[in-house]
Amino acid sequence: MKHLPIVILLITLYGARLFNLNLAKILLKKRLIIDMQTLVDALRLKGKIYKKMQEVSPKELGIRNKIKIYKATDIRGCFWAIFAISQKSRVLMRDVYKFEEIYEKLSIFFEHDFKHKIVFIDAPLCSKAKEALSTKGWKIY
């Protein structure tokens, strides 16, 4: 709560829209918890604009993991699978296999493949896991 006057000052000076973009940059640099608005703002900074984005509950896929899964459709009509992982421990190779398994369940659930796969990771990433994700077609943010 001690930062509230600064936040109000920034909103009045720069406007709410610019503040949200700056807030997205700060949150991604500080690796705080990722919600849908932060995710959309961060992707907008990268030039990605979606006309539809919906959150998929892990329970719908039969998964017990604490992961946020989003299905998005861009302006051209391509489907995107977006995973947001927020954890304290390092992301290892076993987690990469888990992400691939979740992706397969997501493809079966929606009965189509996704053209693009993005993963937002809020934890340290093992070098082997990073290499495996990139070779399997994942974009890491």
N, C-alpha and C. Protein backbone atom coordinates (compact mmCIF):
# COMPACT_ATOMS: atom_id res chain seq x y z
N MET A 1 0.80 -1.20 0.00
CA MET A 1 0.00 0.00 0.00
C MET A 1 0.85 1.26 0.00
N LYS A 2 2.14 1.15 0.33
CA LYS A 2 2.95 2.35 0.40
C LYS A 2 3.25 2.92 -0.98
N HIS A 3 3.05 2.13 -2.03
CA HIS A 3 3.30 2.60 -3.40
C HIS A 3 2.05 3.17 -4.05
N LEU A 4 0.93 3.19 -3.36
CA LEU A 4 -0.33 3.65 -3.95
C LEU A 4 -0.26 5.09 -4.44
N PRO A 5 0.30 6.06 -3.70
CA PRO A 5 0.37 7.43 -4.24
C PRO A 5 1.20 7.52 -5.51
N ILE A 6 2.25 6.73 -5.61
CA ILE A 6 3.08 6.73 -6.82
C ILE A 6 2.30 6.19 -8.00
N VAL A 7 1.52 5.14 -7.76
CA VAL A 7 0.70 4.54 -8.81
C VAL A 7 -0.34 5.54 -9.30
N ILE A 8 -1.00 6.23 -8.38
CA ILE A 8 -2.01 7.23 -8.76
C ILE A 8 -1.37 8.36 -9.55
N LEU A 9 -0.18 8.79 -9.14
CA LEU A 9 0.53 9.84 -9.85
C LEU A 9 0.90 9.41 -11.27
N LEU A 10 1.37 8.18 -11.43
CA LEU A 10 1.73 7.68 -12.76
C LEU A 10 0.51 7.59 -13.67
N ILE A 11 -0.61 7.15 -13.12
CA ILE A 11 -1.82 7.04 -13.93
C ILE A 11 -2.29 8.41 -14.37
N THR A 12 -2.25 9.40 -13.49
CA THR A 12 -2.71 10.74 -13.87
C THR A 12 -1.75 11.40 -14.85
N LEU A 13 -0.44 11.16 -14.71
CA LEU A 13 0.52 11.78 -15.61
C LEU A 13 0.54 11.15 -16.99
N TYR A 14 0.55 9.82 -17.04
CA TYR A 14 0.75 9.13 -18.31
C TYR A 14 -0.51 8.48 -18.88
N GLY A 15 -1.55 8.41 -18.15
CA GLY A 15 -2.76 7.77 -18.63
C GLY A 15 -2.76 6.30 -18.30
N ALA A 16 -3.93 5.72 -18.22
CA ALA A 16 -4.08 4.33 -17.78
C ALA A 16 -3.48 3.36 -18.78
N ARG A 17 -3.61 3.62 -20.09
CA ARG A 17 -3.14 2.66 -21.08
C ARG A 17 -1.62 2.56 -21.07
N LEU A 18 -0.94 3.69 -21.07
CA LEU A 18 0.51 3.67 -21.04
C LEU A 18 1.02 3.07 -19.73
N PHE A 19 0.32 3.34 -18.65
CA PHE A 19 0.71 2.79 -17.36
C PHE A 19 0.64 1.27 -17.38
N ASN A 20 -0.39 0.69 -18.02
CA ASN A 20 -0.52 -0.77 -18.09
C ASN A 20 0.64 -1.38 -18.86
N LEU A 21 1.08 -0.73 -19.94
CA LEU A 21 2.22 -1.26 -20.70
C LEU A 21 3.50 -1.20 -19.87
N ASN A 22 3.69 -0.08 -19.17
CA ASN A 22 4.87 0.02 -18.32
C ASN A 22 4.81 -0.97 -17.17
N LEU A 23 3.63 -1.16 -16.62
CA LEU A 23 3.45 -2.11 -15.53
C LEU A 23 3.77 -3.52 -16.00
N ALA A 24 3.38 -3.84 -17.23
CA ALA A 24 3.68 -5.17 -17.77
C ALA A 24 5.19 -5.38 -17.89
N LYS A 25 5.91 -4.36 -18.33
CA LYS A 25 7.37 -4.47 -18.42
C LYS A 25 7.99 -4.70 -17.05
N ILE A 26 7.52 -3.93 -16.06
CA ILE A 26 8.06 -4.04 -14.71
C ILE A 26 7.77 -5.42 -14.13
N LEU A 27 6.54 -5.90 -14.29
CA LEU A 27 6.17 -7.19 -13.72
C LEU A 27 6.95 -8.33 -14.36
N LEU A 28 7.19 -8.23 -15.67
CA LEU A 28 7.95 -9.29 -16.32
C LEU A 28 9.41 -9.26 -15.90
N LYS A 29 9.97 -8.06 -15.69
CA LYS A 29 11.35 -7.97 -15.24
C LYS A 29 11.51 -8.48 -13.82
N LYS A 30 10.55 -8.19 -12.97
CA LYS A 30 10.63 -8.62 -11.58
C LYS A 30 10.12 -10.04 -11.38
N ARG A 31 9.58 -10.64 -12.44
CA ARG A 31 9.10 -12.02 -12.41
C ARG A 31 8.04 -12.24 -11.33
N LEU A 32 7.02 -11.40 -11.38
CA LEU A 32 5.90 -11.57 -10.46
C LEU A 32 4.85 -12.47 -11.11
N ILE A 33 3.81 -12.75 -10.37
CA ILE A 33 2.77 -13.66 -10.85
C ILE A 33 2.12 -13.09 -12.11
N ILE A 34 1.88 -13.97 -13.06
CA ILE A 34 1.35 -13.56 -14.36
C ILE A 34 -0.15 -13.80 -14.40
N ASP A 35 -0.93 -12.73 -14.68
CA ASP A 35 -2.36 -12.88 -14.88
C ASP A 35 -2.66 -12.56 -16.35
N MET A 36 -3.92 -12.66 -16.75
CA MET A 36 -4.26 -12.52 -18.16
C MET A 36 -3.95 -11.11 -18.68
N GLN A 37 -4.26 -10.07 -17.91
CA GLN A 37 -4.01 -8.71 -18.38
C GLN A 37 -2.52 -8.45 -18.57
N THR A 38 -1.70 -8.91 -17.65
CA THR A 38 -0.26 -8.76 -17.78
C THR A 38 0.26 -9.51 -18.99
N LEU A 39 -0.29 -10.68 -19.21
CA LEU A 39 0.10 -11.50 -20.35
C LEU A 39 -0.25 -10.81 -21.66
N VAL A 40 -1.46 -10.28 -21.75
CA VAL A 40 -1.89 -9.59 -22.97
C VAL A 40 -1.03 -8.35 -23.22
N ASP A 41 -0.75 -7.59 -22.16
CA ASP A 41 0.08 -6.39 -22.31
C ASP A 41 1.50 -6.75 -22.75
N ALA A 42 2.06 -7.81 -22.19
CA ALA A 42 3.41 -8.22 -22.57
C ALA A 42 3.45 -8.69 -24.02
N LEU A 43 2.43 -9.41 -24.46
CA LEU A 43 2.39 -9.86 -25.85
C LEU A 43 2.14 -8.70 -26.80
N ARG A 44 1.37 -7.72 -26.36
CA ARG A 44 1.14 -6.53 -27.18
C ARG A 44 2.45 -5.77 -27.40
N LEU A 45 3.31 -5.75 -26.38
CA LEU A 45 4.62 -5.11 -26.53
C LEU A 45 5.47 -5.82 -27.58
N LYS A 46 5.28 -7.13 -27.72
CA LYS A 46 6.03 -7.91 -28.72
C LYS A 46 5.38 -7.85 -30.10
N GLY A 47 4.23 -7.14 -30.22
CA GLY A 47 3.56 -7.01 -31.51
C GLY A 47 2.51 -8.07 -31.78
N LYS A 48 2.14 -8.84 -30.78
CA LYS A 48 1.13 -9.89 -30.95
C LYS A 48 -0.22 -9.36 -30.48
N ILE A 49 -1.20 -9.37 -31.38
CA ILE A 49 -2.54 -8.90 -31.06
C ILE A 49 -3.52 -10.04 -31.32
N TYR A 50 -4.39 -10.29 -30.36
CA TYR A 50 -5.35 -11.38 -30.45
C TYR A 50 -6.77 -10.84 -30.45
N LYS A 51 -7.62 -11.45 -31.29
CA LYS A 51 -9.01 -11.02 -31.29
C LYS A 51 -9.84 -11.80 -30.29
N LYS A 52 -9.34 -12.96 -29.87
CA LYS A 52 -10.06 -13.76 -28.87
C LYS A 52 -9.04 -14.50 -28.02
N MET A 53 -9.27 -14.48 -26.71
CA MET A 53 -8.38 -15.20 -25.80
C MET A 53 -9.21 -15.76 -24.66
N GLN A 54 -9.10 -17.04 -24.43
CA GLN A 54 -9.86 -17.65 -23.34
C GLN A 54 -8.95 -18.51 -22.47
N GLU A 55 -9.24 -18.50 -21.17
CA GLU A 55 -8.47 -19.29 -20.23
C GLU A 55 -9.08 -20.69 -20.15
N VAL A 56 -8.22 -21.68 -20.15
CA VAL A 56 -8.65 -23.07 -20.04
C VAL A 56 -8.26 -23.56 -18.65
N SER A 57 -9.23 -24.08 -17.94
CA SER A 57 -8.96 -24.59 -16.60
C SER A 57 -8.20 -25.90 -16.69
N PRO A 58 -7.17 -26.08 -15.87
CA PRO A 58 -6.46 -27.36 -15.88
C PRO A 58 -7.36 -28.54 -15.52
N LYS A 59 -8.41 -28.30 -14.75
CA LYS A 59 -9.33 -29.38 -14.38
C LYS A 59 -10.08 -29.90 -15.60
N GLU A 60 -10.34 -29.03 -16.58
CA GLU A 60 -11.01 -29.46 -17.80
C GLU A 60 -10.17 -30.47 -18.56
N LEU A 61 -8.85 -30.34 -18.46
CA LEU A 61 -7.93 -31.25 -19.15
C LEU A 61 -7.53 -32.45 -18.29
N GLY A 62 -7.97 -32.45 -17.03
CA GLY A 62 -7.61 -33.53 -16.12
C GLY A 62 -6.20 -33.41 -15.60
N ILE A 63 -5.77 -32.18 -15.35
CA ILE A 63 -4.41 -31.91 -14.89
C ILE A 63 -4.47 -31.33 -13.48
N ARG A 64 -3.53 -31.71 -12.65
CA ARG A 64 -3.47 -31.19 -11.29
C ARG A 64 -2.41 -30.11 -11.12
N ASN A 65 -1.67 -29.82 -12.17
CA ASN A 65 -0.58 -28.84 -12.09
C ASN A 65 -1.13 -27.43 -11.88
N LYS A 66 -0.33 -26.59 -11.23
CA LYS A 66 -0.67 -25.18 -11.09
C LYS A 66 -0.08 -24.44 -12.28
N ILE A 67 -0.85 -24.36 -13.33
CA ILE A 67 -0.43 -23.74 -14.57
C ILE A 67 -1.63 -23.01 -15.15
N LYS A 68 -1.37 -21.89 -15.77
CA LYS A 68 -2.44 -21.17 -16.45
C LYS A 68 -2.30 -21.43 -17.94
N ILE A 69 -3.40 -21.85 -18.54
CA ILE A 69 -3.40 -22.22 -19.95
C ILE A 69 -4.39 -21.31 -20.67
N TYR A 70 -3.95 -20.75 -21.80
CA TYR A 70 -4.81 -19.88 -22.59
C TYR A 70 -4.83 -20.36 -24.03
N LYS A 71 -6.01 -20.24 -24.63
CA LYS A 71 -6.16 -20.50 -26.06
C LYS A 71 -6.48 -19.16 -26.70
N ALA A 72 -5.69 -18.75 -27.68
CA ALA A 72 -5.88 -17.45 -28.31
C ALA A 72 -5.98 -17.61 -29.83
N THR A 73 -6.70 -16.67 -30.42
CA THR A 73 -6.82 -16.60 -31.87
C THR A 73 -6.35 -15.22 -32.30
N ASP A 74 -5.38 -15.19 -33.22
CA ASP A 74 -4.87 -13.89 -33.65
C ASP A 74 -5.73 -13.32 -34.77
N ILE A 75 -5.32 -12.19 -35.30
CA ILE A 75 -6.10 -11.49 -36.33
C ILE A 75 -6.21 -12.31 -37.62
N ARG A 76 -5.18 -13.09 -37.93
CA ARG A 76 -5.19 -13.90 -39.15
C ARG A 76 -5.95 -15.21 -38.99
N GLY A 77 -6.37 -15.53 -37.77
CA GLY A 77 -7.13 -16.76 -37.53
C GLY A 77 -6.29 -17.94 -37.09
N CYS A 78 -5.03 -17.72 -36.78
CA CYS A 78 -4.16 -18.79 -36.30
C CYS A 78 -4.39 -19.01 -34.81
N PHE A 79 -4.31 -20.26 -34.39
CA PHE A 79 -4.51 -20.60 -32.99
C PHE A 79 -3.17 -20.61 -32.25
N TRP A 80 -3.19 -20.09 -31.03
CA TRP A 80 -2.01 -20.01 -30.18
C TRP A 80 -2.29 -20.72 -28.87
N ALA A 81 -1.36 -21.52 -28.41
CA ALA A 81 -1.42 -22.13 -27.09
C ALA A 81 -0.43 -21.37 -26.21
N ILE A 82 -0.94 -20.79 -25.12
CA ILE A 82 -0.10 -19.98 -24.25
C ILE A 82 -0.14 -20.57 -22.85
N PHE A 83 1.02 -20.92 -22.33
CA PHE A 83 1.14 -21.46 -20.96
C PHE A 83 1.83 -20.41 -20.10
N ALA A 84 1.34 -20.22 -18.89
CA ALA A 84 1.97 -19.31 -17.92
C ALA A 84 2.28 -20.12 -16.68
N ILE A 85 3.56 -20.25 -16.38
CA ILE A 85 4.01 -21.05 -15.25
C ILE A 85 4.65 -20.13 -14.23
N SER A 86 4.17 -20.22 -13.00
CA SER A 86 4.72 -19.42 -11.90
C SER A 86 5.10 -20.38 -10.79
N GLN A 87 6.38 -20.59 -10.61
CA GLN A 87 6.84 -21.49 -9.56
C GLN A 87 8.16 -21.00 -9.01
N LYS A 88 8.53 -21.50 -7.85
CA LYS A 88 9.77 -21.06 -7.21
C LYS A 88 10.96 -21.90 -7.63
N SER A 89 10.73 -23.18 -7.89
CA SER A 89 11.84 -24.07 -8.23
C SER A 89 12.20 -23.96 -9.71
N ARG A 90 13.37 -24.44 -10.04
CA ARG A 90 13.89 -24.40 -11.41
C ARG A 90 13.06 -25.29 -12.33
N VAL A 91 12.89 -24.84 -13.57
CA VAL A 91 12.18 -25.63 -14.58
C VAL A 91 13.19 -26.60 -15.20
N LEU A 92 12.89 -27.89 -15.08
CA LEU A 92 13.81 -28.94 -15.52
C LEU A 92 13.25 -29.68 -16.73
N MET A 93 14.00 -30.66 -17.20
CA MET A 93 13.57 -31.45 -18.36
C MET A 93 12.27 -32.19 -18.10
N ARG A 94 12.07 -32.67 -16.88
CA ARG A 94 10.82 -33.38 -16.58
C ARG A 94 9.62 -32.45 -16.74
N ASP A 95 9.82 -31.15 -16.48
CA ASP A 95 8.76 -30.18 -16.68
C ASP A 95 8.47 -29.97 -18.16
N VAL A 96 9.50 -30.04 -18.99
CA VAL A 96 9.32 -29.92 -20.44
C VAL A 96 8.45 -31.07 -20.95
N TYR A 97 8.71 -32.27 -20.46
CA TYR A 97 7.89 -33.41 -20.87
C TYR A 97 6.45 -33.23 -20.40
N LYS A 98 6.30 -32.64 -19.22
CA LYS A 98 4.97 -32.38 -18.68
C LYS A 98 4.23 -31.35 -19.55
N PHE A 99 4.95 -30.30 -20.01
CA PHE A 99 4.33 -29.28 -20.86
C PHE A 99 3.89 -29.88 -22.19
N GLU A 100 4.72 -30.75 -22.73
CA GLU A 100 4.35 -31.41 -23.99
C GLU A 100 3.12 -32.30 -23.81
N GLU A 101 3.06 -32.98 -22.70
CA GLU A 101 1.90 -33.83 -22.39
C GLU A 101 0.64 -32.97 -22.24
N ILE A 102 0.75 -31.84 -21.58
CA ILE A 102 -0.39 -30.93 -21.42
C ILE A 102 -0.80 -30.37 -22.78
N TYR A 103 0.19 -30.05 -23.61
CA TYR A 103 -0.12 -29.54 -24.95
C TYR A 103 -0.89 -30.57 -25.77
N GLU A 104 -0.50 -31.84 -25.68
CA GLU A 104 -1.21 -32.89 -26.40
C GLU A 104 -2.66 -33.01 -25.91
N LYS A 105 -2.85 -32.93 -24.59
CA LYS A 105 -4.21 -32.97 -24.03
C LYS A 105 -5.02 -31.77 -24.50
N LEU A 106 -4.39 -30.62 -24.61
CA LEU A 106 -5.07 -29.41 -25.07
C LEU A 106 -5.49 -29.56 -26.53
N SER A 107 -4.62 -30.13 -27.36
CA SER A 107 -4.95 -30.36 -28.77
C SER A 107 -6.11 -31.33 -28.91
N ILE A 108 -6.12 -32.36 -28.10
CA ILE A 108 -7.23 -33.34 -28.14
C ILE A 108 -8.52 -32.71 -27.64
N PHE A 109 -8.42 -31.89 -26.60
CA PHE A 109 -9.61 -31.26 -26.01
C PHE A 109 -10.29 -30.33 -27.01
N PHE A 110 -9.51 -29.53 -27.75
CA PHE A 110 -10.08 -28.59 -28.72
C PHE A 110 -10.19 -29.19 -30.12
N GLU A 111 -9.70 -30.39 -30.32
CA GLU A 111 -9.79 -31.13 -31.58
C GLU A 111 -9.12 -30.41 -32.74
N HIS A 112 -8.02 -29.69 -32.47
CA HIS A 112 -7.20 -29.11 -33.51
C HIS A 112 -5.82 -28.81 -32.94
N ASP A 113 -4.85 -28.67 -33.84
CA ASP A 113 -3.50 -28.31 -33.42
C ASP A 113 -3.37 -26.79 -33.34
N PHE A 114 -2.34 -26.35 -32.68
CA PHE A 114 -2.06 -24.93 -32.54
C PHE A 114 -0.84 -24.60 -33.38
N LYS A 115 -0.92 -23.48 -34.09
CA LYS A 115 0.19 -23.09 -34.96
C LYS A 115 1.38 -22.58 -34.15
N HIS A 116 1.09 -21.88 -33.06
CA HIS A 116 2.15 -21.30 -32.24
C HIS A 116 2.00 -21.74 -30.80
N LYS A 117 3.15 -21.95 -30.13
CA LYS A 117 3.16 -22.33 -28.71
C LYS A 117 4.07 -21.36 -27.97
N ILE A 118 3.52 -20.74 -26.92
CA ILE A 118 4.29 -19.79 -26.12
C ILE A 118 4.25 -20.24 -24.67
N VAL A 119 5.36 -20.08 -23.98
CA VAL A 119 5.41 -20.38 -22.55
C VAL A 119 6.03 -19.19 -21.82
N PHE A 120 5.29 -18.67 -20.83
CA PHE A 120 5.79 -17.64 -19.93
C PHE A 120 6.27 -18.35 -18.68
N ILE A 121 7.55 -18.25 -18.39
CA ILE A 121 8.11 -18.96 -17.24
C ILE A 121 8.56 -17.93 -16.22
N ASP A 122 8.11 -18.13 -15.00
CA ASP A 122 8.37 -17.21 -13.90
C ASP A 122 9.39 -17.81 -12.93
N ALA A 123 10.28 -18.65 -13.43
CA ALA A 123 11.24 -19.36 -12.57
C ALA A 123 12.55 -19.50 -13.34
N PRO A 124 13.62 -19.84 -12.65
CA PRO A 124 14.88 -20.12 -13.36
C PRO A 124 14.69 -21.29 -14.32
N LEU A 125 15.35 -21.23 -15.44
CA LEU A 125 15.18 -22.23 -16.49
C LEU A 125 16.49 -22.96 -16.72
N CYS A 126 16.47 -24.28 -16.64
CA CYS A 126 17.63 -25.11 -16.91
C CYS A 126 18.03 -24.96 -18.38
N SER A 127 19.31 -24.96 -18.67
CA SER A 127 19.77 -24.77 -20.05
C SER A 127 19.32 -25.90 -20.97
N LYS A 128 19.31 -27.12 -20.46
CA LYS A 128 18.84 -28.25 -21.28
C LYS A 128 17.35 -28.14 -21.54
N ALA A 129 16.60 -27.68 -20.55
CA ALA A 129 15.15 -27.51 -20.72
C ALA A 129 14.87 -26.39 -21.73
N LYS A 130 15.65 -25.33 -21.68
CA LYS A 130 15.48 -24.22 -22.62
C LYS A 130 15.75 -24.69 -24.05
N GLU A 131 16.80 -25.47 -24.21
CA GLU A 131 17.13 -25.99 -25.54
C GLU A 131 16.05 -26.95 -26.04
N ALA A 132 15.53 -27.80 -25.15
CA ALA A 132 14.49 -28.75 -25.53
C ALA A 132 13.20 -28.02 -25.91
N LEU A 133 12.84 -26.99 -25.17
CA LEU A 133 11.63 -26.24 -25.49
C LEU A 133 11.76 -25.55 -26.85
N SER A 134 12.90 -24.97 -27.11
CA SER A 134 13.07 -24.26 -28.39
C SER A 134 13.11 -25.24 -29.57
N THR A 135 13.68 -26.42 -29.39
CA THR A 135 13.70 -27.39 -30.49
C THR A 135 12.32 -27.98 -30.76
N LYS A 136 11.46 -27.99 -29.74
CA LYS A 136 10.10 -28.51 -29.92
C LYS A 136 9.12 -27.44 -30.39
N GLY A 137 9.63 -26.23 -30.66
CA GLY A 137 8.79 -25.20 -31.24
C GLY A 137 8.16 -24.22 -30.27
N TRP A 138 8.61 -24.22 -29.02
CA TRP A 138 8.07 -23.31 -28.02
C TRP A 138 8.84 -21.98 -28.09
N LYS A 139 8.11 -20.88 -27.94
CA LYS A 139 8.73 -19.58 -27.77
C LYS A 139 8.71 -19.27 -26.28
N ILE A 140 9.86 -18.92 -25.74
CA ILE A 140 9.99 -18.72 -24.28
C ILE A 140 10.05 -17.23 -23.98
N TYR A 141 9.20 -16.81 -23.05
CA TYR A 141 9.20 -15.42 -22.58
C TYR A 141 9.42 -15.40 -21.09
